[in-house]
Protein backbone atom coordinates (compact mmCIF):
# COMPACT_ATOMS: atom_id res chain seq x y z
CA MET A 1 -7.14 51.57 -34.00
CA THR A 2 -7.94 54.98 -35.56
CA GLN A 3 -5.79 55.72 -38.58
CA GLN A 4 -3.72 58.85 -38.12
CA PRO A 5 -4.07 61.55 -40.78
CA SER A 6 -1.12 62.51 -42.94
CA THR A 7 1.06 65.26 -41.49
CA ARG A 8 2.66 68.11 -43.40
CA ALA A 9 6.40 68.74 -43.13
CA THR A 10 6.72 71.45 -40.49
CA VAL A 11 9.37 73.48 -38.67
CA PRO A 12 11.83 71.04 -37.06
CA ALA A 13 11.60 70.57 -33.31
CA ALA A 14 14.62 70.09 -31.09
CA GLU A 15 16.15 66.66 -30.86
CA GLY A 16 14.56 64.98 -27.88
CA ARG A 17 11.33 67.00 -27.99
CA ARG A 18 8.77 64.19 -28.15
CA ASP A 19 5.87 66.16 -26.69
CA GLN A 20 5.11 69.37 -24.80
CA TYR A 21 6.45 67.84 -21.58
CA SER A 22 9.93 67.08 -22.91
CA PHE A 23 12.88 68.65 -21.11
CA VAL A 24 14.61 70.84 -23.72
CA ASP A 25 16.40 74.16 -23.96
CA PRO A 26 13.61 76.68 -24.78
CA ARG A 27 15.95 78.59 -27.08
CA THR A 28 16.18 75.58 -29.35
CA ALA A 29 12.86 73.80 -28.71
CA PHE A 30 12.08 74.59 -32.33
CA ALA A 31 14.37 75.70 -35.12
CA VAL A 32 15.09 79.38 -35.61
CA ILE A 33 13.18 80.04 -38.82
CA GLU A 34 14.36 82.29 -41.64
CA PRO A 35 11.29 82.38 -43.89
CA PRO A 36 11.89 83.49 -47.46
CA VAL A 37 10.09 86.60 -48.63
CA GLN A 38 6.62 85.37 -49.56
CA GLN A 39 3.10 86.76 -49.93
CA GLN A 40 -0.38 85.33 -50.31
CA GLU A 41 -3.71 86.98 -50.90
CA GLU A 42 -5.52 87.49 -47.59
CA PRO A 43 -6.61 85.29 -45.79
CA GLY A 44 -4.11 82.79 -47.24
CA LEU A 45 -3.53 79.11 -46.57
CA GLN A 46 -1.14 77.71 -44.00
CA SER A 47 -0.38 74.74 -46.27
CA ARG A 48 1.27 77.13 -48.75
CA MET A 49 3.59 78.75 -46.21
CA GLU A 50 7.34 78.16 -46.20
CA PRO A 51 8.08 76.74 -43.74
CA VAL A 52 4.74 75.28 -42.64
CA PRO A 53 4.03 76.05 -38.96
CA ASP A 54 3.99 73.25 -36.41
CA LEU A 55 0.52 72.70 -34.90
CA GLY A 56 1.60 69.90 -32.59
CA GLU A 57 0.24 67.29 -34.99
CA THR A 58 2.87 64.75 -34.02
CA SER A 59 3.84 66.02 -30.57
CA TYR A 60 0.90 67.21 -28.49
CA ARG A 61 0.08 64.59 -25.84
CA GLY A 62 -3.27 64.81 -24.10
CA THR A 63 -3.97 63.69 -20.54
CA GLY A 64 -7.77 63.99 -20.37
CA ARG A 65 -7.85 67.52 -18.99
CA LEU A 66 -10.88 68.57 -21.07
CA GLN A 67 -12.78 65.30 -21.15
CA GLY A 68 -16.36 65.79 -22.34
CA ARG A 69 -16.03 69.53 -22.94
CA ARG A 70 -17.68 71.26 -25.92
CA ALA A 71 -15.67 74.15 -27.35
CA LEU A 72 -16.06 76.79 -30.02
CA ILE A 73 -12.70 77.94 -31.40
CA THR A 74 -12.55 80.82 -33.86
CA GLY A 75 -9.72 80.90 -36.36
CA GLY A 76 -9.47 77.13 -35.97
CA ASP A 77 -8.19 76.40 -39.46
CA SER A 78 -4.58 77.44 -38.95
CA GLY A 79 -2.00 78.84 -36.57
CA ILE A 80 -2.78 79.17 -32.88
CA GLY A 81 -6.46 78.33 -33.31
CA ALA A 82 -5.67 75.14 -35.18
CA ALA A 83 -3.03 74.03 -32.67
CA THR A 84 -5.52 74.70 -29.88
CA ALA A 85 -8.19 72.63 -31.63
CA ILE A 86 -5.85 69.66 -31.93
CA ALA A 87 -4.79 70.02 -28.30
CA PHE A 88 -8.39 70.31 -27.08
CA ALA A 89 -9.40 67.18 -28.98
CA ARG A 90 -6.51 65.18 -27.55
CA GLU A 91 -7.55 66.39 -24.10
CA GLY A 92 -11.05 64.99 -24.71
CA ALA A 93 -13.09 67.91 -26.06
CA ASP A 94 -15.40 68.11 -29.05
CA VAL A 95 -14.68 71.25 -31.06
CA ALA A 96 -16.48 73.54 -33.48
CA LEU A 97 -14.07 75.46 -35.70
CA SER A 98 -14.83 78.77 -37.38
CA TYR A 99 -12.81 80.05 -40.32
CA LEU A 100 -13.24 81.96 -43.56
CA PRO A 101 -14.70 79.95 -46.47
CA GLU A 102 -11.45 80.39 -48.43
CA GLU A 103 -9.63 78.46 -45.69
CA GLN A 104 -11.61 75.23 -46.13
CA ASP A 105 -8.62 73.06 -47.05
CA ASP A 106 -6.72 74.03 -43.91
CA ALA A 107 -9.84 73.51 -41.77
CA GLU A 108 -10.35 70.00 -43.12
CA TYR A 109 -6.72 69.20 -42.34
CA VAL A 110 -7.20 70.23 -38.72
CA ALA A 111 -10.52 68.37 -38.50
CA SER A 112 -8.78 65.15 -39.53
CA PHE A 113 -6.62 65.33 -36.38
CA VAL A 114 -9.60 66.13 -34.16
CA GLU A 115 -11.43 63.10 -35.49
CA ALA A 116 -8.32 60.92 -35.23
CA ALA A 117 -8.37 61.75 -31.50
CA GLY A 118 -11.86 60.28 -31.34
CA ARG A 119 -13.64 63.62 -30.94
CA ARG A 120 -16.19 65.51 -33.01
CA ALA A 121 -15.04 68.25 -35.39
CA VAL A 122 -17.71 70.69 -36.57
CA LEU A 123 -16.62 72.93 -39.45
CA LEU A 124 -18.32 76.32 -39.56
CA PRO A 125 -17.12 78.64 -42.35
CA VAL A 126 -18.08 82.25 -41.62
CA ASP A 127 -16.88 85.81 -42.09
CA LEU A 128 -16.91 87.27 -38.59
CA GLY A 129 -16.79 90.76 -40.06
CA GLU A 130 -20.31 90.45 -41.42
CA GLU A 131 -23.18 91.85 -39.40
CA GLY A 132 -24.90 89.16 -37.35
CA ALA A 133 -22.29 86.52 -38.19
CA PRO A 134 -20.84 86.08 -34.67
CA ALA A 135 -24.23 85.37 -33.07
CA ALA A 136 -25.20 83.04 -35.91
CA LEU A 137 -21.90 81.19 -35.46
CA VAL A 138 -22.62 80.56 -31.79
CA ALA A 139 -26.12 79.26 -32.59
CA ARG A 140 -24.72 76.82 -35.15
CA ALA A 141 -22.02 75.61 -32.76
CA VAL A 142 -24.50 75.03 -29.94
CA GLU A 143 -26.82 73.09 -32.21
CA ALA A 144 -24.04 70.95 -33.66
CA LEU A 145 -22.32 70.20 -30.35
CA GLY A 146 -25.49 69.87 -28.30
CA GLY A 147 -24.34 72.64 -25.98
CA LEU A 148 -21.32 74.77 -25.20
CA ASP A 149 -19.03 75.20 -22.20
CA ALA A 150 -15.85 76.66 -23.68
CA VAL A 151 -15.32 79.64 -25.99
CA VAL A 152 -11.89 80.39 -27.43
CA ASN A 153 -11.58 83.54 -29.53
CA VAL A 154 -8.45 83.41 -31.67
CA ALA A 155 -9.48 84.72 -35.10
CA GLY A 156 -7.89 88.03 -35.97
CA ARG A 157 -7.15 90.46 -38.76
CA GLN A 158 -3.71 92.05 -39.22
CA ILE A 159 -2.56 94.17 -42.19
CA GLN A 160 0.57 96.27 -41.92
CA GLN A 161 0.70 99.81 -43.30
CA PRO A 162 4.13 101.49 -43.21
CA GLU A 163 2.76 105.04 -43.13
CA LEU A 164 -0.12 106.42 -41.08
CA GLU A 165 -1.59 108.05 -44.19
CA GLN A 166 -1.95 104.59 -45.74
CA LEU A 167 -4.07 103.32 -42.86
CA GLY A 168 -7.57 104.21 -43.97
CA ALA A 169 -10.63 104.44 -41.77
CA GLU A 170 -12.09 101.45 -43.60
CA GLN A 171 -9.19 99.17 -42.62
CA PHE A 172 -9.16 100.56 -39.08
CA ALA A 173 -12.86 99.79 -38.65
CA ALA A 174 -12.61 96.36 -40.29
CA THR A 175 -9.78 95.34 -37.94
CA PHE A 176 -11.82 96.35 -34.90
CA ARG A 177 -14.90 94.64 -36.35
CA VAL A 178 -13.17 91.25 -36.58
CA ASN A 179 -10.86 91.43 -33.59
CA VAL A 180 -12.93 93.26 -30.97
CA PHE A 181 -16.59 93.46 -31.94
CA ALA A 182 -16.79 89.81 -33.01
CA THR A 183 -15.14 88.72 -29.75
CA PHE A 184 -17.70 90.69 -27.74
CA GLU A 185 -20.66 89.50 -29.81
CA ILE A 186 -19.59 85.85 -29.59
CA VAL A 187 -19.30 86.07 -25.81
CA GLN A 188 -22.66 87.82 -25.55
CA ALA A 189 -24.39 85.26 -27.77
CA ALA A 190 -22.79 82.34 -25.93
CA LEU A 191 -23.80 83.45 -22.44
CA PRO A 192 -27.30 81.88 -22.40
CA HIS A 193 -25.72 78.53 -23.23
CA LEU A 194 -22.76 78.56 -20.82
CA PRO A 195 -23.33 76.77 -17.50
CA ALA A 196 -21.35 77.52 -14.36
CA GLY A 197 -17.87 76.10 -14.79
CA SER A 198 -17.62 77.26 -18.39
CA THR A 199 -14.61 79.17 -19.65
CA ILE A 200 -13.87 81.94 -22.12
CA VAL A 201 -10.34 82.54 -23.37
CA ASN A 202 -9.66 85.56 -25.56
CA THR A 203 -6.52 86.37 -27.51
CA ALA A 204 -4.51 89.56 -27.04
CA SER A 205 -0.88 89.94 -28.10
CA ALA A 206 2.47 91.22 -26.95
CA GLU A 207 1.62 94.14 -29.24
CA ALA A 208 -0.94 95.27 -26.69
CA TYR A 209 2.11 96.43 -24.70
CA GLN A 210 4.70 97.00 -27.44
CA PRO A 211 2.81 98.11 -30.56
CA ALA A 212 4.59 97.85 -33.89
CA PRO A 213 4.41 101.25 -35.64
CA ASP A 214 3.15 99.70 -38.89
CA ARG A 215 0.37 97.72 -37.17
CA ILE A 216 -1.21 100.30 -34.89
CA ASP A 217 -4.81 99.28 -35.65
CA TYR A 218 -4.03 95.63 -34.87
CA ALA A 219 -2.12 96.54 -31.71
CA ALA A 220 -4.94 98.80 -30.56
CA THR A 221 -7.44 95.95 -30.91
CA LYS A 222 -5.25 93.70 -28.80
CA GLY A 223 -5.10 96.29 -26.04
CA ALA A 224 -8.88 96.57 -26.25
CA ILE A 225 -9.34 92.81 -26.04
CA ASN A 226 -7.13 92.64 -22.97
CA ASN A 227 -9.14 95.38 -21.24
CA LEU A 228 -12.50 94.04 -22.40
CA SER A 229 -11.64 90.63 -21.00
CA LYS A 230 -10.76 92.05 -17.58
CA GLY A 231 -14.19 93.67 -17.38
CA LEU A 232 -15.98 90.55 -18.61
CA ALA A 233 -14.10 88.46 -16.07
CA GLN A 234 -15.32 90.59 -13.16
CA GLN A 235 -18.92 90.47 -14.33
CA LEU A 236 -19.17 86.84 -15.41
CA VAL A 237 -17.35 85.33 -12.44
CA GLU A 238 -20.59 85.92 -10.52
CA ARG A 239 -22.15 83.31 -12.81
CA GLY A 240 -19.30 80.85 -12.32
CA ILE A 241 -17.87 81.59 -15.78
CA ARG A 242 -14.14 82.31 -15.97
CA VAL A 243 -12.69 84.72 -18.53
CA ASN A 244 -8.96 84.88 -19.19
CA VAL A 245 -6.56 85.99 -21.91
CA VAL A 246 -3.58 84.57 -23.78
CA ALA A 247 -1.15 87.18 -25.15
CA PRO A 248 1.26 85.51 -27.59
CA GLY A 249 4.52 86.99 -28.74
CA PRO A 250 5.76 86.64 -32.34
CA THR A 251 4.34 83.36 -33.63
CA TRP A 252 4.77 81.95 -37.12
CA THR A 253 1.24 81.86 -38.58
CA VAL A 254 -0.49 82.68 -41.84
CA LEU A 255 -1.06 86.26 -40.63
CA GLN A 256 2.56 87.07 -41.43
CA PRO A 257 2.75 86.23 -45.18
CA THR A 258 -0.69 87.75 -45.91
CA GLN A 259 0.28 91.42 -45.53
CA GLY A 260 0.53 91.07 -41.75
CA VAL A 261 4.16 92.20 -41.62
CA ASP A 262 6.56 93.83 -44.04
CA PRO A 263 7.54 91.02 -46.46
CA GLU A 264 11.17 92.10 -46.32
CA GLU A 265 11.20 91.45 -42.55
CA LEU A 266 10.07 87.83 -42.84
CA PRO A 267 13.57 86.27 -42.93
CA GLU A 268 14.22 87.63 -39.42
CA PHE A 269 10.69 87.26 -38.06
CA GLY A 270 10.71 86.88 -34.26
CA ALA A 271 14.48 86.72 -33.92
CA SER A 272 14.93 90.24 -32.60
CA GLU A 273 11.66 90.77 -30.68
CA ALA A 274 11.72 87.76 -28.37
CA PRO A 275 14.65 87.36 -25.95
CA LEU A 276 14.58 83.62 -26.69
CA GLY A 277 15.87 84.61 -30.12
CA ARG A 278 13.22 82.97 -32.27
CA ALA A 279 9.56 83.03 -33.22
CA ALA A 280 7.18 80.64 -31.49
CA GLN A 281 5.37 77.82 -33.22
CA PRO A 282 1.59 77.51 -32.71
CA ALA A 283 2.19 74.20 -30.92
CA GLU A 284 3.93 76.15 -28.14
CA ILE A 285 1.00 78.52 -27.60
CA ALA A 286 -1.83 75.98 -27.49
CA PRO A 287 -1.02 74.63 -23.98
CA ALA A 288 -1.83 78.05 -22.52
CA TYR A 289 -5.39 77.75 -23.83
CA VAL A 290 -5.66 74.21 -22.48
CA PHE A 291 -4.56 75.37 -19.03
CA LEU A 292 -6.99 78.30 -18.90
CA THR A 293 -9.87 76.10 -20.07
CA SER A 294 -9.15 73.18 -17.77
CA ALA A 295 -10.30 72.82 -14.17
CA GLU A 296 -6.71 73.06 -12.91
CA SER A 297 -6.95 76.84 -13.47
CA ALA A 298 -10.21 77.10 -11.50
CA PHE A 299 -8.85 79.97 -9.36
CA VAL A 300 -7.51 81.90 -12.35
CA VAL A 301 -9.91 84.69 -13.37
CA GLY A 302 -9.20 87.84 -15.38
CA ALA A 303 -5.57 86.88 -15.96
CA THR A 304 -3.44 87.52 -19.02
CA LEU A 305 -1.03 84.68 -19.69
CA ASN A 306 1.87 86.17 -21.64
CA VAL A 307 3.40 83.50 -23.87
CA ASN A 308 5.92 85.71 -25.56
CA GLY A 309 9.44 84.32 -25.33
CA GLY A 310 10.53 86.75 -22.62
CA MET A 311 9.24 90.11 -23.90
CA PRO A 312 8.72 92.42 -20.88
CA THR A 313 5.12 93.25 -20.00
CA PRO A 314 3.56 95.62 -17.44
């Protein structure tokens, strides 16, 4: 029997929530968090957050929905990307994880759960903001996995600036470089390797519809990703490749305590935005990526799955 890796203490789940299929009140599926004011240097480590987000380490239950698949997941060291990597592995997929070199410890933690599920974990540190890095990442993933049939773009950059004058052109361009350009370049580089039946899932945000005034560059990239994905979906469906989008609402990840939101707002993060009255945990977002990658969503193309706790969308 494969030894299970050690699990970090995470946000408490509701009593009776054994896995993602448990019948629980969604308002209390996870505890309402009140994070203390905290800051880390970007990109930060999830292991140093208080509280540590729940990736589904002890709760996600796979049912073989991605058996034999080979997936590249960007931002796979922490947050939504990490929870998705664990879920994919437990559903039967081998995964290649991209992350910044400074996030190695978090990436190794996630890899231990992938391997405990009996699947391959390929760790690929890279800065997606560097010229040529997205295409090189795809080439390394294809070589390591022996092919590719699923691409999940989660990695993102988010730095709040309270005043428009503080948002410089350099930050604006860097945010688009990581969030939008890298997504496009990864998809473009992956195309020659993706057979019919492959899937691409990109990550937008509720901020594509309700932009926070201190994160306008980030919100603009999420609107662009949503639109880009709709166009890609129409073009690539002719090749039998499905493109869809997940648009999360406020989710407790390392983006928040690394200049992603106003530090003074952390104690109430997610409580006012989402009608459910709390922020999501990454473990709650990952099933959306599983669904859109699995064959059960075969007739879903160009859709945006809003996993946002009830925030109205167009």
